[in-house]
Amino acid sequence: MIRRTTRTTVLSSAVALTAALALTACSNGGSDDSGGPGTPELEVSGAFMPQPVMDMAGGFLTITNDGGTADKLTSVTSPISDDVTIHETRNQKMQEVKSFDIPAKGELNLERGGNHIMFMKLKQQPKQGEKVSIELHFEKSAPIKVDLPVEAPNHNPKQH
């Protein structure tokens, strides 16, 4: 009877240790993409660029964060320009900023007349119907690649 109890205890301990190791391997401090409370869950929608009429353009989109942790949009890159910045609009004045907050369970709206992406010194003039590739960079999340459909110069979804 002592041997059977020892085997059962050893077997139970081995199963418990294996389960504990498996759970530890699945948890890496909340920096994974599992959607836990410590993870931003970002999704981009409503992206567009009005057809530029000069050598600069604006970009607009919404970033929704369904995760339990806030993040920040820190920069935007694009093959169409080596000078892409993010701007806030306050009191009808544009000003470059280092980042935009994306709250947990919230969203960041980049829209006409408000905060936006600014493309300076365009390498080419995209036309309505084309797409412009960009990559959004964040403080915590992996970069997200987005294609901005080029719309009419006066396109404004808020007016539709």
C-alpha atoms as a PDB file:
ATOM      1  CA  MET A   1       0.000   0.000   0.000  1.00  0.00           C
ATOM      2  CA  ILE A   2       2.879   2.375   0.625  1.00  0.00           C
ATOM      3  CA  ARG A   3       4.174   1.851  -2.929  1.00  0.00           C
ATOM      4  CA  ARG A   4       0.776   2.558  -4.509  1.00  0.00           C
ATOM      5  CA  THR A   5       0.415   5.775  -2.473  1.00  0.00           C
ATOM      6  CA  THR A   6       3.940   6.855  -3.439  1.00  0.00           C
ATOM      7  CA  ARG A   7       3.274   6.211  -7.150  1.00  0.00           C
ATOM      8  CA  THR A   8      -0.023   8.104  -6.949  1.00  0.00           C
ATOM      9  CA  THR A   9       1.655  11.007  -5.156  1.00  0.00           C
ATOM     10  CA  VAL A  10       4.535  11.091  -7.658  1.00  0.00           C
ATOM     11  CA  LEU A  11       2.095  10.854 -10.597  1.00  0.00           C
ATOM     12  CA  SER A  12      -0.127  13.599  -9.138  1.00  0.00           C
ATOM     13  CA  SER A  13       2.900  15.817  -8.548  1.00  0.00           C
ATOM     14  CA  ALA A  14       4.120  15.259 -12.125  1.00  0.00           C
ATOM     15  CA  VAL A  15       0.685  16.137 -13.565  1.00  0.00           C
ATOM     16  CA  ALA A  16       0.483  19.270 -11.394  1.00  0.00           C
ATOM     17  CA  LEU A  17       4.003  20.348 -12.390  1.00  0.00           C
ATOM     18  CA  THR A  18       3.261  19.796 -16.101  1.00  0.00           C
ATOM     19  CA  ALA A  19       0.054  21.842 -15.824  1.00  0.00           C
ATOM     20  CA  ALA A  20       1.862  24.641 -13.979  1.00  0.00           C
ATOM     21  CA  LEU A  21       4.613  24.752 -16.629  1.00  0.00           C
ATOM     22  CA  ALA A  22       2.044  24.820 -19.413  1.00  0.00           C
ATOM     23  CA  LEU A  23       0.200  27.725 -17.786  1.00  0.00           C
ATOM     24  CA  THR A  24       3.472  29.601 -17.223  1.00  0.00           C
ATOM     25  CA  ALA A  25       4.420  29.180 -20.886  1.00  0.00           C
ATOM     26  CA  CYS A  26       1.072  30.658 -21.936  1.00  0.00           C
ATOM     27  CA  SER A  27       1.546  33.776 -19.818  1.00  0.00           C
ATOM     28  CA  ASN A  28       4.303  36.233 -20.695  1.00  0.00           C
ATOM     29  CA  GLY A  29       3.311  39.240 -18.655  1.00  0.00           C
ATOM     30  CA  GLY A  30       0.401  40.438 -20.769  1.00  0.00           C
ATOM     31  CA  SER A  31       2.471  41.428 -23.797  1.00  0.00           C
ATOM     32  CA  ASP A  32       1.034  38.800 -26.128  1.00  0.00           C
ATOM     33  CA  ASP A  33      -1.877  39.112 -28.546  1.00  0.00           C
ATOM     34  CA  SER A  34      -4.269  36.913 -26.575  1.00  0.00           C
ATOM     35  CA  GLY A  35      -6.558  39.819 -25.759  1.00  0.00           C
ATOM     36  CA  GLY A  36      -6.079  39.611 -22.014  1.00  0.00           C
ATOM     37  CA  PRO A  37      -6.722  42.605 -19.783  1.00  0.00           C
ATOM     38  CA  GLY A  38      -3.123  43.819 -20.227  1.00  0.00           C
ATOM     39  CA  THR A  39      -3.149  43.794 -24.022  1.00  0.00           C
ATOM     40  CA  PRO A  40      -4.190  46.485 -26.512  1.00  0.00           C
ATOM     41  CA  GLU A  41      -6.400  45.054 -29.304  1.00  0.00           C
ATOM     42  CA  LEU A  42      -6.196  47.505 -32.186  1.00  0.00           C
ATOM     43  CA  GLU A  43      -8.297  47.590 -35.341  1.00  0.00           C
ATOM     44  CA  VAL A  44      -8.259  50.216 -38.109  1.00  0.00           C
ATOM     45  CA  SER A  45     -11.366  51.348 -39.998  1.00  0.00           C
ATOM     46  CA  GLY A  46     -12.588  54.186 -42.198  1.00  0.00           C
ATOM     47  CA  ALA A  47      -9.150  54.883 -43.682  1.00  0.00           C
ATOM     48  CA  PHE A  48      -8.816  57.276 -46.626  1.00  0.00           C
ATOM     49  CA  MET A  49      -6.689  59.983 -48.222  1.00  0.00           C
ATOM     50  CA  PRO A  50      -8.273  62.810 -50.205  1.00  0.00           C
ATOM     51  CA  GLN A  51      -6.612  63.126 -53.622  1.00  0.00           C
ATOM     52  CA  PRO A  52      -3.769  65.613 -53.112  1.00  0.00           C
ATOM     53  CA  VAL A  53      -3.883  68.881 -55.046  1.00  0.00           C
ATOM     54  CA  MET A  54      -0.306  69.860 -54.094  1.00  0.00           C
ATOM     55  CA  ASP A  55       2.786  67.999 -52.890  1.00  0.00           C
ATOM     56  CA  MET A  56       1.209  67.272 -49.507  1.00  0.00           C
ATOM     57  CA  ALA A  57      -1.792  65.284 -48.321  1.00  0.00           C
ATOM     58  CA  GLY A  58      -3.745  64.300 -45.243  1.00  0.00           C
ATOM     59  CA  GLY A  59      -4.640  60.830 -44.042  1.00  0.00           C
ATOM     60  CA  PHE A  60      -7.636  59.918 -41.953  1.00  0.00           C
ATOM     61  CA  LEU A  61      -8.757  56.783 -40.107  1.00  0.00           C
ATOM     62  CA  THR A  62     -10.104  55.415 -36.846  1.00  0.00           C
ATOM     63  CA  ILE A  63      -8.156  53.101 -34.545  1.00  0.00           C
ATOM     64  CA  THR A  64     -10.360  51.140 -32.148  1.00  0.00           C
ATOM     65  CA  ASN A  65      -8.840  49.512 -29.067  1.00  0.00           C
ATOM     66  CA  ASP A  66     -10.984  46.664 -27.699  1.00  0.00           C
ATOM     67  CA  GLY A  67      -8.234  45.652 -25.265  1.00  0.00           C
ATOM     68  CA  GLY A  68      -7.906  46.427 -21.593  1.00  0.00           C
ATOM     69  CA  THR A  69      -4.710  48.487 -21.953  1.00  0.00           C
ATOM     70  CA  ALA A  70      -4.184  51.870 -23.586  1.00  0.00           C
ATOM     71  CA  ASP A  71      -1.627  52.311 -26.375  1.00  0.00           C
ATOM     72  CA  LYS A  72      -0.175  55.220 -28.345  1.00  0.00           C
ATOM     73  CA  LEU A  73       0.181  55.879 -32.059  1.00  0.00           C
ATOM     74  CA  THR A  74       3.807  57.039 -32.197  1.00  0.00           C
ATOM     75  CA  SER A  75       4.511  57.399 -35.934  1.00  0.00           C
ATOM     76  CA  VAL A  76       3.416  56.621 -39.469  1.00  0.00           C
ATOM     77  CA  THR A  77       5.620  55.596 -42.379  1.00  0.00           C
ATOM     78  CA  SER A  78       4.842  55.351 -46.088  1.00  0.00           C
ATOM     79  CA  PRO A  79       6.711  54.804 -49.351  1.00  0.00           C
ATOM     80  CA  ILE A  80       4.894  57.852 -50.779  1.00  0.00           C
ATOM     81  CA  SER A  81       6.786  60.309 -48.515  1.00  0.00           C
ATOM     82  CA  ASP A  82       9.870  60.404 -46.328  1.00  0.00           C
ATOM     83  CA  ASP A  83       8.196  63.130 -44.255  1.00  0.00           C
ATOM     84  CA  VAL A  84       5.054  61.707 -42.609  1.00  0.00           C
ATOM     85  CA  THR A  85       3.958  63.249 -39.307  1.00  0.00           C
ATOM     86  CA  ILE A  86       0.956  63.188 -37.017  1.00  0.00           C
ATOM     87  CA  HIS A  87      -0.806  66.455 -36.235  1.00  0.00           C
ATOM     88  CA  GLU A  88      -3.373  67.631 -33.759  1.00  0.00           C
ATOM     89  CA  THR A  89      -5.714  70.498 -34.509  1.00  0.00           C
ATOM     90  CA  ARG A  90      -6.488  72.882 -31.662  1.00  0.00           C
ATOM     91  CA  ASN A  91      -8.206  76.223 -32.028  1.00  0.00           C
ATOM     92  CA  GLN A  92      -8.130  75.719 -35.800  1.00  0.00           C
ATOM     93  CA  LYS A  93      -4.302  75.418 -35.787  1.00  0.00           C
ATOM     94  CA  MET A  94      -2.306  72.344 -36.798  1.00  0.00           C
ATOM     95  CA  GLN A  95       0.623  71.258 -34.662  1.00  0.00           C
ATOM     96  CA  GLU A  96       2.879  68.222 -34.986  1.00  0.00           C
ATOM     97  CA  VAL A  97       2.748  65.849 -31.988  1.00  0.00           C
ATOM     98  CA  LYS A  98       4.926  62.943 -30.882  1.00  0.00           C
ATOM     99  CA  SER A  99       2.017  60.564 -30.262  1.00  0.00           C
ATOM    100  CA  PHE A 100      -1.735  60.119 -29.927  1.00  0.00           C
ATOM    101  CA  ASP A 101      -3.322  58.208 -27.059  1.00  0.00           C
ATOM    102  CA  ILE A 102      -5.531  55.236 -27.879  1.00  0.00           C
ATOM    103  CA  PRO A 103      -7.504  54.551 -24.692  1.00  0.00           C
ATOM    104  CA  ALA A 104      -8.363  51.057 -23.469  1.00  0.00           C
ATOM    105  CA  LYS A 105     -11.855  50.156 -24.690  1.00  0.00           C
ATOM    106  CA  GLY A 106     -11.820  53.386 -26.729  1.00  0.00           C
ATOM    107  CA  GLU A 107     -10.759  54.834 -30.044  1.00  0.00           C
ATOM    108  CA  LEU A 108      -8.592  57.406 -31.763  1.00  0.00           C
ATOM    109  CA  ASN A 109     -10.294  59.343 -34.562  1.00  0.00           C
ATOM    110  CA  LEU A 110      -8.132  61.009 -37.175  1.00  0.00           C
ATOM    111  CA  GLU A 111     -10.578  63.071 -39.219  1.00  0.00           C
ATOM    112  CA  ARG A 112     -10.905  66.115 -41.445  1.00  0.00           C
ATOM    113  CA  GLY A 113     -10.802  69.316 -39.421  1.00  0.00           C
ATOM    114  CA  GLY A 114      -9.228  67.451 -36.489  1.00  0.00           C
ATOM    115  CA  ASN A 115      -6.255  65.264 -35.685  1.00  0.00           C
ATOM    116  CA  HIS A 116      -4.715  63.678 -38.774  1.00  0.00           C
ATOM    117  CA  ILE A 117      -1.738  62.166 -40.588  1.00  0.00           C
ATOM    118  CA  MET A 118       0.251  64.647 -42.715  1.00  0.00           C
ATOM    119  CA  PHE A 119       2.242  63.591 -45.784  1.00  0.00           C
ATOM    120  CA  MET A 120       4.742  66.227 -46.958  1.00  0.00           C
ATOM    121  CA  LYS A 121       6.890  66.328 -50.119  1.00  0.00           C
ATOM    122  CA  LEU A 122       4.988  63.548 -51.897  1.00  0.00           C
ATOM    123  CA  LYS A 123       7.134  61.433 -54.216  1.00  0.00           C
ATOM    124  CA  GLN A 124       4.117  60.937 -56.499  1.00  0.00           C
ATOM    125  CA  GLN A 125       0.578  62.258 -56.849  1.00  0.00           C
ATOM    126  CA  PRO A 126      -1.903  59.450 -56.108  1.00  0.00           C
ATOM    127  CA  LYS A 127      -5.172  59.678 -58.020  1.00  0.00           C
ATOM    128  CA  GLN A 128      -8.716  58.939 -56.912  1.00  0.00           C
ATOM    129  CA  GLY A 129      -9.316  55.167 -56.972  1.00  0.00           C
ATOM    130  CA  GLU A 130      -5.685  54.272 -56.141  1.00  0.00           C
ATOM    131  CA  LYS A 131      -4.404  53.174 -52.732  1.00  0.00           C
ATOM    132  CA  VAL A 132      -1.555  54.517 -50.624  1.00  0.00           C
ATOM    133  CA  SER A 133       0.246  52.093 -48.292  1.00  0.00           C
ATOM    134  CA  ILE A 134       1.101  53.205 -44.785  1.00  0.00           C
ATOM    135  CA  GLU A 135       2.379  51.532 -41.643  1.00  0.00           C
ATOM    136  CA  LEU A 136       1.163  52.641 -38.231  1.00  0.00           C
ATOM    137  CA  HIS A 137       3.655  52.330 -35.360  1.00  0.00           C
ATOM    138  CA  PHE A 138       2.630  52.037 -31.719  1.00  0.00           C
ATOM    139  CA  GLU A 139       4.201  52.201 -28.277  1.00  0.00           C
ATOM    140  CA  LYS A 140       3.072  48.674 -27.301  1.00  0.00           C
ATOM    141  CA  SER A 141       1.442  46.940 -30.276  1.00  0.00           C
ATOM    142  CA  ALA A 142       3.062  45.570 -33.408  1.00  0.00           C
ATOM    143  CA  PRO A 143       2.929  47.825 -36.491  1.00  0.00           C
ATOM    144  CA  ILE A 144      -0.229  47.681 -38.609  1.00  0.00           C
ATOM    145  CA  LYS A 145      -0.117  48.034 -42.399  1.00  0.00           C
ATOM    146  CA  VAL A 146      -3.052  49.890 -43.947  1.00  0.00           C
ATOM    147  CA  ASP A 147      -3.981  50.808 -47.514  1.00  0.00           C
ATOM    148  CA  LEU A 148      -5.600  54.234 -47.703  1.00  0.00           C
ATOM    149  CA  PRO A 149      -8.064  54.457 -50.613  1.00  0.00           C
ATOM    150  CA  VAL A 150      -7.584  57.767 -52.426  1.00  0.00           C
ATOM    151  CA  GLU A 151     -10.904  59.618 -52.536  1.00  0.00           C
ATOM    152  CA  ALA A 152     -12.085  62.838 -54.188  1.00  0.00           C
ATOM    153  CA  PRO A 153     -10.233  65.953 -52.920  1.00  0.00           C
ATOM    154  CA  ASN A 154     -13.363  67.156 -51.082  1.00  0.00           C
ATOM    155  CA  HIS A 155     -14.320  63.722 -49.656  1.00  0.00           C
ATOM    156  CA  ASN A 156     -15.590  63.936 -46.085  1.00  0.00           C
ATOM    157  CA  PRO A 157     -17.458  60.933 -44.622  1.00  0.00           C
ATOM    158  CA  LYS A 158     -19.037  63.150 -41.930  1.00  0.00           C
ATOM    159  CA  GLN A 159     -20.974  64.986 -44.666  1.00  0.00           C
ATOM    160  CA  HIS A 160     -22.564  61.796 -46.049  1.00  0.00           C
END
